[in-house]
Amino acid sequence: MNRYWSQLHTARLLDQGTAHWLQPGHLRHAAAVADLGILAHALVRAGRGGEAGPA
């Protein structure tokens, strides 16, 4: 696993993404599905695969 995914600033960004992006109605733009896919990918790379399911 790349060290990037275990850095503190990366963990904070993933925490923010899961807290806000997964709220019903939060993502209303055309690329919302792609954004959630990227979030899921990042969570898996960070070793947080259990959190990737809802994304």
C-alpha atoms as a PDB file:
ATOM      1  CA  MET A   1       0.000   0.000   0.000  1.00  0.00           C
ATOM      2  CA  ASN A   2       1.304   3.425  -0.906  1.00  0.00           C
ATOM      3  CA  ARG A   3       2.220   5.655   2.052  1.00  0.00           C
ATOM      4  CA  TYR A   4       0.144   8.490   0.573  1.00  0.00           C
ATOM      5  CA  TRP A   5      -3.043   6.759   1.649  1.00  0.00           C
ATOM      6  CA  SER A   6      -1.932   6.539   5.289  1.00  0.00           C
ATOM      7  CA  GLN A   7      -0.963  10.201   5.699  1.00  0.00           C
ATOM      8  CA  LEU A   8      -2.935  12.322   8.165  1.00  0.00           C
ATOM      9  CA  HIS A   9      -4.119  14.906   5.621  1.00  0.00           C
ATOM     10  CA  THR A  10      -5.385  12.139   3.336  1.00  0.00           C
ATOM     11  CA  ALA A  11      -7.283  10.502   6.195  1.00  0.00           C
ATOM     12  CA  ARG A  12      -8.899  13.853   7.014  1.00  0.00           C
ATOM     13  CA  LEU A  13     -10.020  14.327   3.421  1.00  0.00           C
ATOM     14  CA  LEU A  14     -11.518  10.838   3.348  1.00  0.00           C
ATOM     15  CA  ASP A  15     -13.293  11.516   6.653  1.00  0.00           C
ATOM     16  CA  GLN A  16     -14.773  14.711   5.193  1.00  0.00           C
ATOM     17  CA  GLY A  17     -15.802  12.939   2.014  1.00  0.00           C
ATOM     18  CA  THR A  18     -17.598  10.151   3.832  1.00  0.00           C
ATOM     19  CA  ALA A  19     -19.254  12.583   6.261  1.00  0.00           C
ATOM     20  CA  HIS A  20     -20.624  14.900   3.571  1.00  0.00           C
ATOM     21  CA  TRP A  21     -20.794  13.124   0.219  1.00  0.00           C
ATOM     22  CA  LEU A  22     -22.766  10.163   1.528  1.00  0.00           C
ATOM     23  CA  GLN A  23     -25.593  12.309   2.889  1.00  0.00           C
ATOM     24  CA  PRO A  24     -28.811  11.890   0.889  1.00  0.00           C
ATOM     25  CA  GLY A  25     -29.165  14.651  -1.675  1.00  0.00           C
ATOM     26  CA  HIS A  26     -25.658  16.071  -1.168  1.00  0.00           C
ATOM     27  CA  LEU A  27     -24.275  15.256  -4.605  1.00  0.00           C
ATOM     28  CA  ARG A  28     -26.637  16.633  -7.236  1.00  0.00           C
ATOM     29  CA  HIS A  29     -24.257  17.298 -10.114  1.00  0.00           C
ATOM     30  CA  ALA A  30     -23.842  15.195 -13.237  1.00  0.00           C
ATOM     31  CA  ALA A  31     -20.571  13.586 -12.104  1.00  0.00           C
ATOM     32  CA  ALA A  32     -21.875  12.499  -8.685  1.00  0.00           C
ATOM     33  CA  VAL A  33     -21.638   8.780  -9.471  1.00  0.00           C
ATOM     34  CA  ALA A  34     -18.060   9.193 -10.676  1.00  0.00           C
ATOM     35  CA  ASP A  35     -17.192  11.180  -7.550  1.00  0.00           C
ATOM     36  CA  LEU A  36     -18.561   8.426  -5.322  1.00  0.00           C
ATOM     37  CA  GLY A  37     -16.570   5.864  -7.301  1.00  0.00           C
ATOM     38  CA  ILE A  38     -13.395   7.845  -6.703  1.00  0.00           C
ATOM     39  CA  LEU A  39     -14.219   8.112  -3.005  1.00  0.00           C
ATOM     40  CA  ALA A  40     -14.777   4.350  -2.831  1.00  0.00           C
ATOM     41  CA  HIS A  41     -11.463   3.726  -4.605  1.00  0.00           C
ATOM     42  CA  ALA A  42      -9.604   6.041  -2.232  1.00  0.00           C
ATOM     43  CA  LEU A  43     -11.176   4.384   0.806  1.00  0.00           C
ATOM     44  CA  VAL A  44     -10.110   0.941  -0.402  1.00  0.00           C
ATOM     45  CA  ARG A  45      -6.564   2.164  -1.117  1.00  0.00           C
ATOM     46  CA  ALA A  46      -6.449   3.618   2.400  1.00  0.00           C
ATOM     47  CA  GLY A  47      -7.362   0.238   3.881  1.00  0.00           C
ATOM     48  CA  ARG A  48     -10.884   1.424   4.735  1.00  0.00           C
ATOM     49  CA  GLY A  49     -12.744  -0.950   2.446  1.00  0.00           C
ATOM     50  CA  GLY A  50     -15.565  -1.418   4.930  1.00  0.00           C
ATOM     51  CA  GLU A  51     -16.478   2.241   4.482  1.00  0.00           C
ATOM     52  CA  ALA A  52     -16.405   2.019   0.686  1.00  0.00           C
ATOM     53  CA  GLY A  53     -19.652   0.019   0.409  1.00  0.00           C
ATOM     54  CA  PRO A  54     -22.059   2.942   0.855  1.00  0.00           C
ATOM     55  CA  ALA A  55     -20.128   4.997  -1.688  1.00  0.00           C
END
